[in-house]
Amino acid sequence: MKKNNYLDKDLPMPSEDEVEFYLKKWGALEDYKHQESALNRLFNETYCNNSKIDEVLIKVASLNDFYSTNIFSVYTVAKHVQSLKIDNDLKCHDKKLVNKIALVDLGGRGIKNFYSFATKYCSHHFPLNYPIYDSYIDRVFRYYRYHDKFASFKNDDLKNYPCFVEIFKKFQSHFKLEKYTLKQMDRYLWLLGKNHFN
């Protein structure tokens, strides 16, 4: 059986020096810094709640544009988010909320799983409590599971958000990176994956 080619790569051992290197790199990405700043103001100052469709709509549309999350029916997703009445669950940092947001009924087109988008939506409300999932971070975790055995998990566990958070924290603990916030770890893991798996 052929091994996934991304496992053949040679990634550096995670360490504080590596995290600092990538955080510095992220800090030099002017477009990303300003996009993040704009989204932080939108989610945490301008439209903190999710009960009004127009407020949810502008947040969904902005995330979709900045992150290219491939939501082709922004209004449908916004209506779905509004219908879930998520504000209390968000404030309680309920990790099961992500998978609820992710599954959207698109009518005749069936149910679509916007999982990566859902992690970003929750993370932009509470960045210290909801780490972001994307394909680069997925590959980084699979790579280090194979090479360093930092955790035992199935690939599908990465798409179950409570499991993903647990895996994320095991990665931090295994490599002694607990001094960094989940947001800082997001940036490190994303850039590490982007550099090696793009």
Foldseek 3Di string as FASTA:
>chain_A
DDDDVLLVDDADQDAPVLLVVLLVVVVPPVVVVVLLVVLLCLCPPVQVALQDLVSLLVNQVSCCVVVVLPDPCSSQLSVQSNVVRCPVVLVVLPQQVLQSSQWTQPDPVGTGGSNQSSLVNSCSNPVQRGAGDDPLLLSVLVNCCVVPVLDDDDSCLCSRRVSVVVSLVSSCVSRVNVVDGSNSVNSSSNVSSVVSPD
